[in-house]
Every structure is written in C-alpha cells, then in structure tokens.
Protein backbone atom coordinates (compact mmCIF):
# COMPACT_ATOMS: atom_id res chain seq x y z
CA UNK A 1 189.72 319.85 264.01
CA UNK A 2 189.86 321.03 260.42
CA UNK A 3 193.24 322.20 259.23
CA UNK A 4 194.14 325.20 257.10
CA UNK A 5 193.50 324.31 253.49
CA UNK A 6 196.15 323.96 250.78
CA UNK A 7 194.74 325.04 247.39
CA UNK A 8 195.29 322.64 244.48
CA UNK A 9 197.19 325.30 242.55
CA UNK A 10 199.76 325.48 245.33
CA UNK A 11 199.82 321.76 246.11
CA UNK A 12 201.50 320.66 242.86
CA UNK A 13 204.64 322.62 241.98
CA UNK A 14 208.15 321.89 240.68
CA UNK A 15 207.68 318.79 238.56
CA UNK A 16 207.01 315.62 240.53
CA UNK A 17 207.64 317.36 243.86
CA UNK A 18 204.44 318.59 245.46
CA UNK A 19 203.27 319.85 248.84
CA UNK A 20 200.17 318.41 250.47
CA UNK A 21 198.47 318.55 253.84
CA UNK A 22 199.58 315.27 255.47
CA UNK A 23 197.45 312.83 257.49
CA UNK A 24 199.63 309.75 258.14
CA UNK A 25 201.23 310.31 261.54
CA UNK A 26 203.26 307.09 261.51
CA UNK A 27 204.88 307.90 258.15
CA UNK A 28 205.54 311.46 259.29
CA UNK A 29 207.33 310.34 262.47
CA UNK A 30 209.26 307.71 260.53
CA UNK A 31 210.67 310.42 258.25
CA UNK A 32 211.37 312.78 261.17
CA UNK A 33 213.09 310.04 263.14
CA UNK A 34 215.65 309.52 260.38
CA UNK A 35 216.21 313.20 259.46
CA UNK A 36 219.37 314.72 260.98
CA UNK A 37 217.76 318.18 261.17
CA UNK A 38 214.73 316.99 263.13
CA UNK A 39 213.85 318.17 266.64
CA UNK A 40 211.30 317.09 269.21
CA UNK A 41 209.05 319.87 267.87
CA UNK A 42 208.71 318.13 264.52
CA UNK A 43 206.91 315.09 265.96
CA UNK A 44 203.36 314.37 264.81
CA UNK A 45 201.97 314.39 268.35
CA UNK A 46 202.10 318.19 268.53
CA UNK A 47 199.22 318.36 266.07
CA UNK A 48 196.84 316.86 268.64
CA UNK A 49 198.40 318.89 271.47
CA UNK A 50 197.66 322.18 269.69
CA UNK A 51 194.21 321.15 268.53
CA UNK A 52 192.95 319.46 271.70
CA UNK A 53 194.49 321.72 274.34
CA UNK A 54 193.72 325.07 272.72
CA UNK A 55 191.48 324.46 269.70
CA UNK A 56 194.09 325.85 267.30
CA UNK A 57 193.90 324.94 263.64
CA UNK A 58 196.94 323.15 262.30
CA UNK A 59 198.58 322.77 258.90
CA UNK A 60 201.02 319.87 258.77
CA UNK A 61 202.62 320.10 255.33
CA UNK A 62 204.62 317.41 253.54
CA UNK A 63 206.79 317.67 250.44
CA UNK A 64 206.19 314.48 248.44
CA UNK A 65 207.95 313.12 245.35
CA UNK A 66 206.15 310.10 243.87
CA UNK A 67 204.72 309.21 247.30
CA UNK A 68 208.15 309.50 248.95
CA UNK A 69 208.41 312.07 251.75
CA UNK A 70 211.19 314.60 251.22
CA UNK A 71 210.31 317.09 253.93
CA UNK A 72 207.75 318.16 256.53
CA UNK A 73 206.67 321.45 258.05
CA UNK A 74 204.32 321.51 261.10
CA UNK A 75 202.36 324.76 261.44
CA UNK A 76 199.82 326.04 263.94
CA UNK A 77 197.42 328.92 263.28
CA UNK A 78 196.82 331.17 266.29
CA UNK A 79 194.01 333.69 265.98
CA UNK A 80 193.65 336.40 268.60
CA UNK A 81 191.85 339.76 268.60
CA UNK A 82 194.44 340.96 271.14
CA UNK A 83 197.68 339.69 269.59
CA UNK A 84 196.78 339.19 265.93
CA UNK A 85 196.89 336.14 263.70
CA UNK A 86 200.03 334.02 263.50
CA UNK A 87 201.00 330.90 261.57
CA UNK A 88 203.92 329.45 263.50
CA UNK A 89 206.31 326.50 263.48
CA UNK A 90 206.27 325.93 266.36
CA UNK A 91 204.41 328.15 268.84
CA UNK A 92 205.48 328.35 272.50
CA UNK A 93 208.82 326.72 271.65
CA UNK A 94 212.31 327.75 270.54
CA UNK A 95 212.52 325.85 267.27
CA UNK A 96 210.59 324.06 264.57
CA UNK A 97 210.60 325.14 260.92
CA UNK A 98 210.94 322.77 257.98
CA UNK A 99 212.58 319.38 258.47
CA UNK A 100 213.97 318.12 255.16
CA UNK A 101 217.24 316.25 255.89
CA UNK A 102 219.09 318.95 253.96
CA UNK A 103 216.81 318.92 250.89
CA UNK A 104 216.81 322.61 249.90
CA UNK A 105 214.31 322.12 247.08
CA UNK A 106 211.77 320.53 249.41
CA UNK A 107 212.33 323.20 252.04
CA UNK A 108 211.87 326.05 249.56
CA UNK A 109 208.60 324.57 248.31
CA UNK A 110 207.27 323.93 251.82
CA UNK A 111 208.03 327.52 252.82
CA UNK A 112 206.46 328.85 249.62
CA UNK A 113 203.21 327.04 250.38
CA UNK A 114 203.33 328.13 254.05
CA UNK A 115 203.82 331.76 252.95
CA UNK A 116 200.79 331.51 250.68
CA UNK A 117 198.71 330.01 253.49
CA UNK A 118 199.71 332.82 255.86
CA UNK A 119 198.78 335.45 253.27
CA UNK A 120 195.35 333.88 252.73
CA UNK A 121 194.75 333.80 256.48
CA UNK A 122 196.15 337.34 256.85
CA UNK A 123 198.52 335.94 259.43
CA UNK A 124 202.18 336.56 260.21
CA UNK A 125 204.28 333.52 259.31
CA UNK A 126 207.08 332.64 261.76
CA UNK A 127 209.46 329.71 261.20
CA UNK A 128 211.76 329.00 264.13
CA UNK A 129 215.02 327.26 263.35
CA UNK A 130 217.96 326.09 265.44
CA UNK A 131 220.06 326.37 262.28
CA UNK A 132 220.56 328.90 259.49
CA UNK A 133 218.08 328.04 256.72
CA UNK A 134 218.57 328.99 253.07
CA UNK A 135 215.43 331.11 252.73
CA UNK A 136 214.62 334.47 251.19
CA UNK A 137 212.82 335.65 254.32
CA UNK A 138 213.87 338.24 256.90
CA UNK A 139 215.25 336.56 260.00
CA UNK A 140 215.45 337.66 263.64
CA UNK A 141 218.70 336.83 265.45
CA UNK A 142 217.63 338.18 268.83
CA UNK A 143 217.69 334.84 270.63
CA UNK A 144 220.12 332.01 271.24
CA UNK A 145 219.57 328.68 272.91
CA UNK A 146 222.12 327.45 275.44
CA UNK A 147 223.49 323.92 275.03
CA UNK A 148 225.54 322.04 277.59
CA UNK A 149 227.60 318.98 276.61
CA UNK A 150 226.98 316.29 279.22
CA UNK A 151 229.46 313.65 278.16
CA UNK A 152 229.13 310.08 279.40
CA UNK A 153 230.46 310.32 282.97
CA UNK A 154 228.69 311.93 285.91
CA UNK A 155 231.99 312.25 287.79
CA UNK A 156 233.69 313.92 284.83
CA UNK A 157 230.81 316.36 284.37
CA UNK A 158 230.87 317.23 288.08
CA UNK A 159 234.55 318.13 287.78
CA UNK A 160 233.83 320.27 284.71
CA UNK A 161 231.13 322.31 286.40
CA UNK A 162 232.29 325.68 287.76
CA UNK A 163 232.94 325.57 291.50
CA UNK A 164 230.17 328.13 292.09
CA UNK A 165 227.62 325.72 290.52
CA UNK A 166 228.89 322.77 292.54
CA UNK A 167 228.68 324.82 295.75
CA UNK A 168 225.06 325.75 295.04
CA UNK A 169 224.12 322.14 294.35
CA UNK A 170 225.74 321.09 297.64
CA UNK A 171 223.96 323.93 299.44
CA UNK A 172 220.59 322.70 298.20
CA UNK A 173 221.39 319.16 299.23
CA UNK A 174 222.50 320.31 302.71
CA UNK A 175 219.14 322.03 303.08
CA UNK A 176 217.53 318.64 302.50
CA UNK A 177 216.36 319.22 298.94
CA UNK A 178 215.90 316.01 296.94
CA UNK A 179 215.17 315.56 293.23
CA UNK A 180 213.35 312.76 291.43
CA UNK A 181 212.09 311.88 287.95
CA UNK A 182 208.43 311.17 287.24
CA UNK A 183 206.03 310.32 284.45
CA UNK A 184 202.57 311.86 284.11
CA UNK A 185 201.80 311.32 287.81
CA UNK A 186 204.12 314.26 288.57
CA UNK A 187 202.05 316.76 286.59
CA UNK A 188 199.95 317.97 289.50
CA UNK A 189 202.98 318.96 291.58
CA UNK A 190 204.71 320.38 288.50
CA UNK A 191 201.77 322.62 287.68
CA UNK A 192 201.38 323.89 291.24
CA UNK A 193 205.00 325.12 291.24
CA UNK A 194 205.02 326.29 287.63
CA UNK A 195 201.76 328.27 287.87
CA UNK A 196 202.87 330.03 291.05
CA UNK A 197 206.20 331.05 289.55
CA UNK A 198 204.64 332.25 286.28
CA UNK A 199 202.28 334.50 288.25
CA UNK A 200 205.25 335.83 290.25
CA UNK A 201 207.11 336.54 287.00
CA UNK A 202 204.10 338.39 285.60
CA UNK A 203 203.40 335.89 282.81
CA UNK A 204 200.18 333.97 281.96
CA UNK A 205 200.49 330.23 282.48
CA UNK A 206 199.65 327.41 280.08
CA UNK A 207 196.55 325.41 280.91
CA UNK A 208 196.83 322.12 282.83
CA UNK A 209 195.25 320.45 279.81
CA UNK A 210 198.12 321.62 277.61
CA UNK A 211 200.60 319.68 279.73
CA UNK A 212 198.28 316.66 280.00
CA UNK A 213 198.08 316.58 276.21
CA UNK A 214 201.88 316.75 275.95
CA UNK A 215 202.06 313.53 277.97
CA UNK A 216 199.12 311.94 276.16
CA UNK A 217 200.63 312.55 272.71
CA UNK A 218 204.37 312.55 273.46
CA UNK A 219 204.55 310.48 276.62
CA UNK A 220 207.70 308.55 275.73
CA UNK A 221 209.45 311.87 275.05
CA UNK A 222 208.37 313.61 278.28
CA UNK A 223 209.41 313.40 281.93
CA UNK A 224 208.85 315.51 285.05
CA UNK A 225 211.58 316.53 287.50
CA UNK A 226 210.44 317.44 291.01
CA UNK A 227 212.58 319.02 293.72
CA UNK A 228 211.17 318.56 297.20
CA UNK A 229 211.79 320.08 300.60
CA UNK A 230 210.58 317.31 302.88
CA UNK A 231 207.19 316.43 301.33
CA UNK A 232 206.59 319.71 299.51
CA UNK A 233 207.47 320.26 295.85
CA UNK A 234 209.43 323.52 295.56
CA UNK A 235 210.97 323.11 292.10
CA UNK A 236 209.69 321.44 288.95
CA UNK A 237 210.49 321.03 285.28
CA UNK A 238 209.00 319.28 282.27
CA UNK A 239 211.73 317.69 280.14
CA UNK A 240 211.42 316.77 276.48
CA UNK A 241 213.68 313.91 275.36
CA UNK A 242 214.67 313.43 271.75
CA UNK A 243 217.59 312.28 269.64
CA UNK A 244 220.23 312.42 272.34
CA UNK A 245 219.13 315.77 273.76
CA UNK A 246 217.12 316.87 276.79
CA UNK A 247 215.35 320.22 276.68
CA UNK A 248 213.51 321.78 279.61
CA UNK A 249 211.17 324.37 278.11
CA UNK A 250 209.07 324.69 281.28
CA UNK A 251 210.93 324.94 284.58
CA UNK A 252 210.26 326.85 287.80
CA UNK A 253 211.01 327.03 291.51
CA UNK A 254 209.16 328.77 294.32
CA UNK A 255 210.73 332.15 295.01
CA UNK A 256 210.45 331.63 298.77
CA UNK A 257 212.96 328.77 298.42
CA UNK A 258 215.45 330.50 296.12
CA UNK A 259 218.00 330.84 298.93
CA UNK A 260 218.11 327.01 299.16
CA UNK A 261 219.08 326.64 295.45
CA UNK A 262 216.28 324.41 294.12
CA UNK A 263 217.04 325.34 290.49
CA UNK A 264 220.62 324.12 290.81
CA UNK A 265 219.49 320.83 292.36
CA UNK A 266 216.92 320.43 289.56
CA UNK A 267 219.37 321.01 286.71
CA UNK A 268 221.93 318.69 288.26
CA UNK A 269 219.30 315.94 288.44
CA UNK A 270 218.49 316.54 284.75
CA UNK A 271 222.19 316.16 283.93
CA UNK A 272 222.47 312.96 285.96
CA UNK A 273 219.36 311.56 284.26
CA UNK A 274 220.74 312.48 280.86
CA UNK A 275 224.07 310.75 281.38
CA UNK A 276 222.43 307.64 282.84
CA UNK A 277 220.06 307.36 279.87
CA UNK A 278 222.36 308.21 276.98
CA UNK A 279 221.46 311.87 276.40
CA UNK A 280 224.60 313.83 275.58
CA UNK A 281 223.17 317.36 275.36
CA UNK A 282 221.10 319.52 277.70
CA UNK A 283 219.23 322.45 276.16
CA UNK A 284 218.81 325.12 278.84
CA UNK A 285 216.48 327.19 276.65
CA UNK A 286 216.47 330.49 274.83
CA UNK A 287 217.88 333.76 276.09
CA UNK A 288 218.97 337.15 274.78
CA UNK A 289 222.74 337.56 274.67
CA UNK A 290 224.01 339.44 277.71
CA UNK A 291 220.79 339.04 279.71
CA UNK A 292 220.72 337.75 283.27
CA UNK A 293 219.25 334.45 282.10
CA UNK A 294 221.96 334.12 279.46
CA UNK A 295 224.72 334.66 282.01
CA UNK A 296 223.15 332.23 284.48
CA UNK A 297 223.05 329.48 281.84
CA UNK A 298 226.59 330.27 280.72
CA UNK A 299 227.73 329.72 284.30
CA UNK A 300 226.87 326.04 283.87
CA UNK A 301 229.34 325.91 280.99
CA UNK A 302 226.62 326.05 278.32
CA UNK A 303 227.45 327.48 274.90
CA UNK A 304 225.13 329.68 272.80
CA UNK A 305 223.62 328.37 269.57
CA UNK A 306 222.06 331.02 267.36
CA UNK A 307 218.31 330.74 266.76
CA UNK A 308 216.96 331.92 263.41
CA UNK A 309 213.35 333.07 263.54
CA UNK A 310 212.32 333.77 259.96
CA UNK A 311 209.12 335.68 259.27
CA UNK A 312 206.79 337.01 256.58
CA UNK A 313 205.84 339.68 255.71
CA UNK A 314 208.90 341.82 256.37
CA UNK A 315 206.61 344.62 257.56
CA UNK A 316 205.54 342.42 260.50
CA UNK A 317 208.82 343.20 262.27
CA UNK A 318 210.82 340.99 264.57
CA UNK A 319 208.88 338.14 266.26
CA UNK A 320 210.12 339.49 269.60
CA UNK A 321 208.31 342.82 269.23
CA UNK A 322 205.02 341.42 270.51
CA UNK A 323 206.55 340.38 273.83
CA UNK A 324 208.06 343.83 274.31
CA UNK A 325 204.68 345.45 273.71
CA UNK A 326 203.28 343.41 276.61
CA UNK A 327 205.96 344.46 279.10
CA UNK A 328 203.62 346.99 280.70
CA UNK A 329 201.29 344.17 281.88
CA UNK A 330 203.92 342.31 283.90
CA UNK A 331 203.58 344.34 287.09
CA UNK A 332 199.80 344.13 286.95
CA UNK A 333 199.82 340.35 286.51
CA UNK A 334 202.14 339.85 289.49
CA UNK A 335 199.54 341.42 291.78
CA UNK A 336 196.75 339.04 290.80
CA UNK A 337 195.61 336.36 293.27
CA UNK A 338 196.91 332.99 292.12
CA UNK A 339 193.40 331.58 291.61
CA UNK A 340 192.54 334.48 289.29
CA UNK A 341 195.83 334.21 287.37
CA UNK A 342 195.32 330.47 286.88
CA UNK A 343 191.73 331.00 285.73
CA UNK A 344 192.37 333.62 283.05
CA UNK A 345 196.05 332.93 282.30
CA UNK A 346 195.52 329.98 279.91
CA UNK A 347 193.00 332.00 277.87
CA UNK A 348 195.69 334.63 277.29
CA UNK A 349 198.62 332.21 277.00
CA UNK A 350 197.03 330.22 274.17
CA UNK A 351 197.03 333.39 272.05
CA UNK A 352 200.70 334.37 272.61
CA UNK A 353 202.91 332.51 270.09
CA UNK A 354 206.21 333.03 271.97
C-alpha cells in the first residue's frame, strides 16, 4: 500500500533535522520502546493493521538528525464520501500524536509536515494526545480517559474498590459467571459478543479482519478476556498491553445478561491479570465528563486524565462534531437484523475516525 507522499521541499527543514517517510519498522519500535511519551498506538504494527484491514493509506513520519531518530508520528488517511477526508493519529483510538521523548523541535517539525500533507490531501488533520502538547493548533478538550491505579497486590486492590463494585463482582460470580484470558483463539467468541452489543448500541462494528490484523501485527501486546455463563460467552474485551498499562478499547457484554454483572466480572479479571503480570495501570477508556460512562468508570476509583485532540484547520471544528451529526442514525441501526448490521457495519466503521 503506497503511503501519502512527503515532498522534498518539506522533508528537509531546520538545519540537520529533517522529516522523512519511514520504512524501518524495527528501528521505529526501538525508538518508541525507549521514549517515555510513547503509547501502544505508536507501534509500527498499526501501519499494517490500517492498510491490510481497511485499505487505508498511511504516512509514518520520522524526524531524523544525521540518521538518528528524534521523533515519530504515525498517521492514517481516511477518505470517505460520507464523512469526509481525515488524516489522523491514530484513528479509532483515544491517543496517538507525535512521540518525541520531549523533543519539542522534532515535534514541531513533524506536525508542520503533517499539516502540509493534510492540506495537500484536503483532509482534516487530527492529532490525539494523552498529554498537553506545545503546538499552535486548536485543541478539543471534550474527552478524558479514565485511569485506575492497580498497585501490586490483588488483596489490597480488592479492599480499595468501592463496596458497590465488590458486590457486583460477587453477584456475577454467584450467578456462575467465569472469566478467562485468551490469545487469538478467543477472537471468534469476542466478535460474536462485541458485534451484537454494537448493533444494540446503534453503532457500526469493526470488521473481523481488523481484529485479526491487530493480533497478527501486535500479538504480544494483545489479549482477549471472555466472560462465560456455563459454555456461552456473554462478555468480552480486547486488551492492549504496553509499558505497564492495560487498555481495553473494545469491550462489550450481552444486554440480556446485564442483570448478572458480566462487565464487573470482566474488569475485575483484567485487574487481576494486570497485577499478576506487572501492569500497574488500567485504562478504562474515553468518556465525556459527567456522562453516564464517566460516572460508571469513576465508581471503580478511576481518575480522569485530560485528552488533547488537536486539529487543523481551525474551521474544521471539534473532532467530536462528526459523531454528534450521526446521532440520528443510532435508532435506525438498532433495528437492523444482526446479519445485516455485521455485513454493512465494517464498510461504515472504516470511514469513521473516532
């Protein structure tokens, strides 16, 4: 898959520091692995995920000084006649943006080149950060991500959890719900639960191939959690593991089992797994302050961390506006037969950056 081009005039700027389209995945991941501002979304494997699962063009930029990497910026170009053209780092996820280990000069140059690429493609540039970057771009502060400190002791964490959370976990266990961790072999059960819940929520689902590619390209950083009632999977999540943190960007339970608390059993298993394997943070995902989802995550004891979604041009408006414009379609989507939703959902989902 051919990437978005970087013109020569833009590829050499600021003395010896230059920005180029990068091709060495091992060197990229080596830099990311040592950078304190890196996230799982900066890994090289996402390039193949975006290209192979959805056919998106990618632009993986590197700031280089005499062949030494000083920063990277992974970008994906999404073209859609329905939702417009977007150049995003990273689509479908909460964060991304430039990773430079605090090198402001490298970050500024990477963003300058990305802005030029977006203008040439007539696309809206969106850079999603889990920190406050020093950029001269407008920034949306609509979303936060919710982080829970796990500590190193399962017993100590259990005592720290609010009694209401502990009671719901016990309730699920009394109903016979069990949770287990899986590699790629759990994808089929995960997708069956996830696709059903996305239809019920009125949202198009990612394609099965998208999740297969996540495991193919990021397998050591991915695990599946399944919650079962007897032999039936009723809750499922796909965890991403990186640098001491677990995030669960895709998680669902069957609505018909909500009264048995599968979500609570699932999250508790993620916490137990994290402590047992040296992960000290659990990212419960993005929410709007004061929303029902925000309050539910806060009830676990999670604390909000501001997300900074920077964009260009300023006239594009907040990156959240597109989702609000689609609110009218939610009720219609919920009424679709599951087979129809699963057939056309991925075609729509690939084109929605959020």
